[in-house]
Amino acid sequence: MTGSWHPAIRADWLVLRRTGAGAFLRMIAAPVLLSGCCAALACGDFHDGYGWCLAAGALLALGGSYVIAHRRLLDATERWRFGWCGALPAARGATTSTLLLASVAALVVSLAFITVLLFAVSVSAPHHADFVYAVAGIDLALVVGTVAAVMRVFHSGVLARSHQADGVGEPLLALAWLNDARLPHLLDWQRRAALVRWRRGGSPVMVGIVLGVVPIGAPMAQVAGLVLLVLAWSWLAVVMRASADAFAAAVRLLAAVPWDVRSARLASLRYPLIAVSCALVCVAAGTALLRHGGIALAWVACAAVVSARPFVRLARATRSVDPRA
């Protein structure tokens, strides 16, 4: 590694190699899914001539690239500054230059992949001449979204403030009776972790993407109901993952402390159940606006799939702890 590269990238590369193909697939899953969704939307124009599908694909590429780049840049910066490699000597500006080069490389690969994907789905389509417009719009949206994320992350003072401001602040409705006396700060830890994760990648950008996909002239009541459903689903998914991660971290932190496993599990489920209750209220309102009961059942099924793994992690987090402690 040369002096212009941050030494932590060497450690990340070794971890990626030792973890295997699964870690690599998890790393590329979000960009590949974004490219596939953009290509699927573009097919609406290639095969049926719906021009608004290209605009929807460009909006999806813009929002998705911003969310992915912003979150991964912040995670890498925090990991390099405050993780195991935080004490390694690094040249001035090594973090910025390394992340910039990595972002440019990832952007070039993404542009090449989406271009090949769009060509593959348009080559035999009736409106294959729109391939040029699709590539121009979606590729430009990817570039603009990534550049916007990079500029926000590397704005002067943002990195220092982001680490200090993560989780700072009191809840709007501080209900003390929700806390468990044996683990009084677990619920607040889960809430703060969910808030930080929501701001870093699960923010209401998804709602904006949905609004961009909605056809022009759709009834406002149905649009509002769709926004409520998407907002509730994305927020619940973020809360479930953050709650499971926070509880796993709490178990590791309190590994040497005698505590009751059953009470800890019950305490860990309080905030997720509150999130489910709040999400169901939004779902009920959205279903009433859409006037279609089957949508609520589909939402519940999707929410159950998203919440299954976090709930399993909550149960497994204390499996290694002696229940007689």
Protein backbone atom coordinates (compact mmCIF):
# COMPACT_ATOMS: atom_id res chain seq x y z
CA MET A 1 0.00 0.00 0.00
CA THR A 2 1.30 3.42 -0.89
CA GLY A 3 1.19 6.37 1.42
CA SER A 4 -1.76 7.89 -0.44
CA TRP A 5 -4.03 4.97 0.58
CA HIS A 6 -5.50 4.72 4.03
CA PRO A 7 -4.02 1.64 5.78
CA ALA A 8 -7.47 0.54 6.98
CA ILE A 9 -8.48 -0.40 3.45
CA ARG A 10 -5.91 -3.19 3.61
CA ALA A 11 -7.62 -4.58 6.71
CA ASP A 12 -11.04 -4.31 5.05
CA TRP A 13 -9.74 -6.20 2.02
CA LEU A 14 -8.34 -9.00 4.20
CA VAL A 15 -11.64 -9.29 6.07
CA LEU A 16 -13.52 -9.45 2.77
CA ARG A 17 -11.23 -12.21 1.46
CA ARG A 18 -11.43 -14.28 4.63
CA THR A 19 -15.19 -13.94 4.98
CA GLY A 20 -15.76 -15.43 1.55
CA ALA A 21 -18.24 -15.01 -1.25
CA GLY A 22 -21.11 -14.26 1.12
CA ALA A 23 -19.59 -10.96 2.21
CA PHE A 24 -18.92 -9.97 -1.39
CA LEU A 25 -22.50 -10.75 -2.36
CA ARG A 26 -23.83 -8.67 0.53
CA MET A 27 -21.62 -5.79 -0.58
CA ILE A 28 -22.87 -5.76 -4.17
CA ALA A 29 -26.48 -6.76 -3.42
CA ALA A 30 -27.83 -3.22 -3.04
CA PRO A 31 -26.20 -1.77 -6.21
CA VAL A 32 -27.23 -4.80 -8.27
CA LEU A 33 -30.81 -4.60 -6.97
CA LEU A 34 -30.92 -0.88 -7.77
CA SER A 35 -29.68 -1.49 -11.32
CA GLY A 36 -32.19 -4.28 -11.83
CA CYS A 37 -35.10 -2.13 -10.65
CA CYS A 38 -34.04 0.73 -12.94
CA ALA A 39 -33.82 -1.64 -15.90
CA ALA A 40 -37.22 -3.12 -15.04
CA LEU A 41 -38.77 0.34 -15.04
CA ALA A 42 -37.11 1.18 -18.35
CA CYS A 43 -38.74 -1.90 -19.87
CA GLY A 44 -42.05 -0.10 -19.58
CA ASP A 45 -40.80 2.34 -22.20
CA PHE A 46 -38.88 -0.17 -24.32
CA HIS A 47 -41.84 -2.53 -24.71
CA ASP A 48 -44.97 -0.38 -24.24
CA GLY A 49 -43.80 3.15 -24.99
CA TYR A 50 -44.50 4.61 -21.54
CA GLY A 51 -42.08 7.52 -21.43
CA TRP A 52 -42.74 8.23 -17.77
CA CYS A 53 -41.07 4.89 -16.94
CA LEU A 54 -37.71 6.37 -17.96
CA ALA A 55 -38.31 9.34 -15.64
CA ALA A 56 -39.25 6.95 -12.83
CA GLY A 57 -36.10 4.90 -13.44
CA ALA A 58 -33.96 8.03 -13.35
CA LEU A 59 -35.57 9.15 -10.07
CA LEU A 60 -35.00 5.70 -8.60
CA ALA A 61 -31.35 5.77 -9.70
CA LEU A 62 -30.91 9.25 -8.22
CA GLY A 63 -32.36 8.42 -4.82
CA GLY A 64 -30.91 4.92 -4.61
CA SER A 65 -27.37 5.93 -5.53
CA TYR A 66 -27.46 8.77 -3.01
CA VAL A 67 -28.68 6.51 -0.19
CA ILE A 68 -26.17 3.73 -0.92
CA ALA A 69 -23.17 6.03 -1.36
CA HIS A 70 -24.01 8.22 1.63
CA ARG A 71 -24.46 5.33 4.02
CA ARG A 72 -21.39 3.41 2.92
CA LEU A 73 -19.13 6.45 3.00
CA LEU A 74 -20.25 7.33 6.52
CA ASP A 75 -19.84 3.73 7.70
CA ALA A 76 -16.36 3.46 6.22
CA THR A 77 -15.27 6.80 7.68
CA GLU A 78 -16.52 5.93 11.13
CA ARG A 79 -14.98 2.47 10.99
CA TRP A 80 -11.60 3.83 9.92
CA ARG A 81 -11.57 6.63 12.48
CA PHE A 82 -12.98 4.89 15.55
CA GLY A 83 -12.52 1.17 14.81
CA TRP A 84 -9.58 -1.16 15.29
CA CYS A 85 -7.56 0.69 12.66
CA GLY A 86 -8.22 4.14 14.11
CA ALA A 87 -4.76 4.33 15.70
CA LEU A 88 -2.85 3.43 12.53
CA PRO A 89 -0.66 6.21 11.11
CA ALA A 90 -2.18 7.70 7.97
CA ALA A 91 -1.07 10.53 5.74
CA ARG A 92 -3.05 13.75 5.74
CA GLY A 93 -5.99 13.44 3.43
CA ALA A 94 -5.55 9.68 3.05
CA THR A 95 -9.12 8.98 4.18
CA THR A 96 -10.60 11.47 1.74
CA SER A 97 -8.49 10.40 -1.23
CA THR A 98 -9.05 6.69 -0.61
CA LEU A 99 -12.81 7.03 -0.27
CA LEU A 100 -12.95 9.27 -3.34
CA LEU A 101 -11.04 6.74 -5.43
CA ALA A 102 -13.22 3.90 -4.14
CA SER A 103 -16.36 5.92 -4.93
CA VAL A 104 -15.18 6.69 -8.45
CA ALA A 105 -14.31 3.03 -9.07
CA ALA A 106 -17.68 1.85 -7.76
CA LEU A 107 -19.46 4.47 -9.87
CA VAL A 108 -17.65 3.45 -13.05
CA VAL A 109 -18.49 -0.22 -12.47
CA SER A 110 -22.13 0.67 -11.77
CA LEU A 111 -22.39 2.78 -14.92
CA ALA A 112 -20.94 -0.02 -17.03
CA PHE A 113 -23.23 -2.61 -15.46
CA ILE A 114 -26.45 -0.59 -15.87
CA THR A 115 -25.50 0.28 -19.46
CA VAL A 116 -25.01 -3.39 -20.35
CA LEU A 117 -28.23 -4.29 -18.54
CA LEU A 118 -30.25 -1.63 -20.38
CA PHE A 119 -28.80 -2.76 -23.71
CA ALA A 120 -29.74 -6.37 -22.95
CA VAL A 121 -33.39 -5.53 -22.16
CA SER A 122 -33.80 -3.11 -25.09
CA VAL A 123 -32.07 -4.89 -27.96
CA SER A 124 -35.19 -6.88 -28.94
CA ALA A 125 -37.81 -4.40 -27.72
CA PRO A 126 -40.15 -2.50 -30.09
CA HIS A 127 -38.92 0.89 -28.84
CA HIS A 128 -35.21 0.01 -28.69
CA ALA A 129 -34.35 3.48 -30.06
CA ASP A 130 -35.08 4.90 -26.59
CA PHE A 131 -31.99 3.07 -25.30
CA VAL A 132 -29.93 6.24 -25.71
CA TYR A 133 -32.38 8.30 -23.61
CA ALA A 134 -32.54 5.61 -20.94
CA VAL A 135 -28.76 5.37 -20.64
CA ALA A 136 -28.37 9.15 -20.58
CA GLY A 137 -31.04 9.69 -17.92
CA ILE A 138 -30.23 6.79 -15.60
CA ASP A 139 -26.44 7.14 -15.84
CA LEU A 140 -26.67 10.87 -15.21
CA ALA A 141 -28.91 10.23 -12.20
CA LEU A 142 -26.38 7.73 -10.81
CA VAL A 143 -23.59 10.27 -11.18
CA VAL A 144 -25.58 13.11 -9.63
CA GLY A 145 -26.73 10.99 -6.68
CA THR A 146 -23.24 9.70 -5.94
CA VAL A 147 -21.65 13.14 -6.27
CA ALA A 148 -24.28 14.65 -3.97
CA ALA A 149 -23.60 11.98 -1.34
CA VAL A 150 -19.83 12.49 -1.58
CA MET A 151 -20.18 16.26 -1.27
CA ARG A 152 -22.40 15.95 1.78
CA VAL A 153 -20.10 13.47 3.53
CA PHE A 154 -16.92 15.44 2.84
CA HIS A 155 -18.43 18.83 3.57
CA SER A 156 -16.31 20.73 6.10
CA GLY A 157 -17.03 19.58 9.63
CA VAL A 158 -19.74 17.07 8.73
CA LEU A 159 -17.71 14.01 9.72
CA ALA A 160 -16.75 15.39 13.10
CA ARG A 161 -20.27 16.54 13.89
CA SER A 162 -21.90 13.33 12.69
CA HIS A 163 -20.03 11.22 15.22
CA GLN A 164 -20.86 13.56 18.08
CA ALA A 165 -24.48 14.08 17.09
CA ASP A 166 -25.40 10.43 16.54
CA GLY A 167 -28.23 9.65 18.93
CA VAL A 168 -28.07 13.00 20.73
CA GLY A 169 -31.45 14.35 21.73
CA GLU A 170 -34.44 13.31 23.77
CA PRO A 171 -37.53 11.58 22.35
CA LEU A 172 -40.57 13.66 21.56
CA LEU A 173 -42.73 11.50 23.85
CA ALA A 174 -40.57 10.33 26.76
CA LEU A 175 -42.62 7.55 28.38
CA ALA A 176 -40.58 6.36 31.34
CA TRP A 177 -42.90 3.43 32.06
CA LEU A 178 -41.79 1.75 28.83
CA ASN A 179 -38.28 1.20 30.22
CA ASP A 180 -37.49 -2.03 32.02
CA ALA A 181 -36.12 -1.46 35.52
CA ARG A 182 -33.53 -4.23 35.08
CA LEU A 183 -32.28 -2.81 31.77
CA PRO A 184 -33.37 0.81 31.99
CA HIS A 185 -31.42 2.15 29.01
CA LEU A 186 -31.91 -0.66 26.47
CA LEU A 187 -35.06 0.82 24.93
CA ASP A 188 -33.40 4.22 24.57
CA TRP A 189 -30.34 2.55 23.02
CA GLN A 190 -32.53 0.80 20.47
CA ARG A 191 -34.41 4.01 19.72
CA ARG A 192 -31.21 6.00 19.16
CA ALA A 193 -29.69 3.24 17.00
CA ALA A 194 -32.83 3.17 14.86
CA LEU A 195 -32.79 6.96 14.54
CA VAL A 196 -29.15 7.00 13.43
CA ARG A 197 -29.71 4.23 10.90
CA TRP A 198 -32.84 5.96 9.59
CA ARG A 199 -30.88 9.16 9.00
CA ARG A 200 -28.02 7.33 7.31
CA GLY A 201 -29.87 5.24 4.78
CA GLY A 202 -33.45 4.47 5.67
CA SER A 203 -34.59 8.07 5.50
CA PRO A 204 -37.76 9.14 3.67
CA VAL A 205 -35.84 9.08 0.38
CA MET A 206 -37.82 5.93 -0.40
CA VAL A 207 -41.03 7.94 -0.15
CA GLY A 208 -39.69 10.39 -2.71
CA ILE A 209 -38.81 7.51 -5.02
CA VAL A 210 -42.33 6.14 -4.71
CA LEU A 211 -43.79 9.55 -5.50
CA GLY A 212 -41.61 9.70 -8.60
CA VAL A 213 -42.88 6.32 -9.80
CA VAL A 214 -46.57 7.23 -9.33
CA PRO A 215 -48.12 8.15 -12.71
CA ILE A 216 -49.22 11.71 -13.32
CA GLY A 217 -52.91 12.24 -12.56
CA ALA A 218 -53.22 9.61 -9.83
CA PRO A 219 -55.77 10.49 -7.09
CA MET A 220 -54.20 12.30 -4.15
CA ALA A 221 -55.90 10.03 -1.60
CA GLN A 222 -54.36 6.93 -3.14
CA VAL A 223 -50.95 8.60 -3.37
CA ALA A 224 -51.14 9.55 0.32
CA GLY A 225 -52.13 6.00 1.24
CA LEU A 226 -49.25 4.56 -0.78
CA VAL A 227 -46.80 6.94 0.90
CA LEU A 228 -48.06 5.89 4.35
CA LEU A 229 -47.61 2.21 3.51
CA VAL A 230 -44.09 2.67 2.12
CA LEU A 231 -43.06 4.93 5.01
CA ALA A 232 -44.36 2.49 7.63
CA TRP A 233 -42.70 -0.50 5.96
CA SER A 234 -39.29 1.12 5.50
CA TRP A 235 -39.30 2.56 9.03
CA LEU A 236 -40.28 -0.78 10.57
CA ALA A 237 -37.51 -2.58 8.69
CA VAL A 238 -34.94 -0.09 9.96
CA VAL A 239 -36.20 -0.31 13.56
CA MET A 240 -36.14 -4.11 13.59
CA ARG A 241 -32.57 -4.36 12.35
CA ALA A 242 -31.34 -1.57 14.63
CA SER A 243 -33.06 -3.09 17.67
CA ALA A 244 -31.49 -6.49 17.03
CA ASP A 245 -28.03 -4.94 16.56
CA ALA A 246 -28.36 -2.84 19.73
CA PHE A 247 -29.46 -5.82 21.81
CA ALA A 248 -26.62 -7.98 20.47
CA ALA A 249 -24.17 -5.22 21.40
CA ALA A 250 -25.72 -4.97 24.87
CA VAL A 251 -25.34 -8.73 25.38
CA ARG A 252 -21.66 -8.53 24.48
CA LEU A 253 -21.16 -5.52 26.73
CA LEU A 254 -22.85 -7.17 29.72
CA ALA A 255 -21.40 -10.63 29.18
CA ALA A 256 -19.62 -10.59 32.56
CA VAL A 257 -22.61 -9.21 34.48
CA PRO A 258 -25.16 -11.58 36.09
CA TRP A 259 -28.59 -10.88 34.65
CA ASP A 260 -31.85 -12.65 33.94
CA VAL A 261 -32.00 -13.82 30.33
CA ARG A 262 -35.80 -14.03 30.18
CA SER A 263 -36.24 -10.50 31.48
CA ALA A 264 -33.59 -9.24 29.04
CA ARG A 265 -35.42 -10.82 26.10
CA LEU A 266 -38.72 -9.30 27.19
CA ALA A 267 -37.06 -5.91 27.55
CA SER A 268 -35.50 -6.22 24.10
CA LEU A 269 -38.93 -6.75 22.53
CA ARG A 270 -40.51 -3.62 23.96
CA TYR A 271 -39.31 -1.12 21.39
CA PRO A 272 -39.86 -3.45 18.37
CA LEU A 273 -43.44 -4.09 19.52
CA ILE A 274 -44.02 -0.35 19.91
CA ALA A 275 -42.70 0.11 16.38
CA VAL A 276 -45.07 -2.59 15.09
CA SER A 277 -48.02 -0.90 16.80
CA CYS A 278 -47.18 2.50 15.31
CA ALA A 279 -46.61 0.99 11.87
CA LEU A 280 -49.98 -0.78 11.98
CA VAL A 281 -51.69 2.54 12.69
CA CYS A 282 -50.10 3.99 9.54
CA VAL A 283 -51.08 0.87 7.61
CA ALA A 284 -54.69 1.18 8.74
CA ALA A 285 -54.78 4.80 7.59
CA GLY A 286 -53.12 3.96 4.27
CA THR A 287 -55.48 1.05 3.65
CA ALA A 288 -58.48 3.28 4.34
CA LEU A 289 -57.21 5.81 1.79
CA LEU A 290 -56.49 3.14 -0.82
CA ARG A 291 -59.81 1.36 -0.13
CA HIS A 292 -58.31 -2.08 -0.73
CA GLY A 293 -58.10 -4.51 2.17
CA GLY A 294 -55.84 -6.93 0.35
CA ILE A 295 -53.03 -4.38 0.42
CA ALA A 296 -52.97 -4.52 4.22
CA LEU A 297 -52.56 -8.31 4.13
CA ALA A 298 -49.73 -7.99 1.62
CA TRP A 299 -48.07 -5.35 3.80
CA VAL A 300 -48.34 -7.56 6.89
CA ALA A 301 -46.80 -10.46 4.97
CA CYS A 302 -43.89 -8.31 3.76
CA ALA A 303 -43.38 -6.85 7.25
CA ALA A 304 -43.33 -10.36 8.75
CA VAL A 305 -40.65 -11.43 6.27
CA VAL A 306 -38.54 -8.36 7.01
CA SER A 307 -38.93 -8.75 10.80
CA ALA A 308 -38.35 -12.50 10.96
CA ARG A 309 -34.55 -12.41 10.95
CA PRO A 310 -34.25 -9.56 13.52
CA PHE A 311 -36.63 -11.40 15.86
CA VAL A 312 -34.56 -14.56 15.50
CA ARG A 313 -31.41 -12.55 16.27
CA LEU A 314 -33.07 -11.13 19.38
CA ALA A 315 -33.80 -14.66 20.57
CA ARG A 316 -30.36 -16.01 19.70
CA ALA A 317 -28.43 -13.13 21.26
CA THR A 318 -28.77 -14.59 24.77
CA ARG A 319 -28.59 -18.27 23.83
CA SER A 320 -24.99 -18.52 24.98
CA VAL A 321 -25.78 -16.85 28.31
CA ASP A 322 -26.41 -19.17 31.24
CA PRO A 323 -30.11 -18.76 32.17
CA ARG A 324 -29.29 -19.53 35.83
CA ALA A 325 -27.10 -16.41 36.10
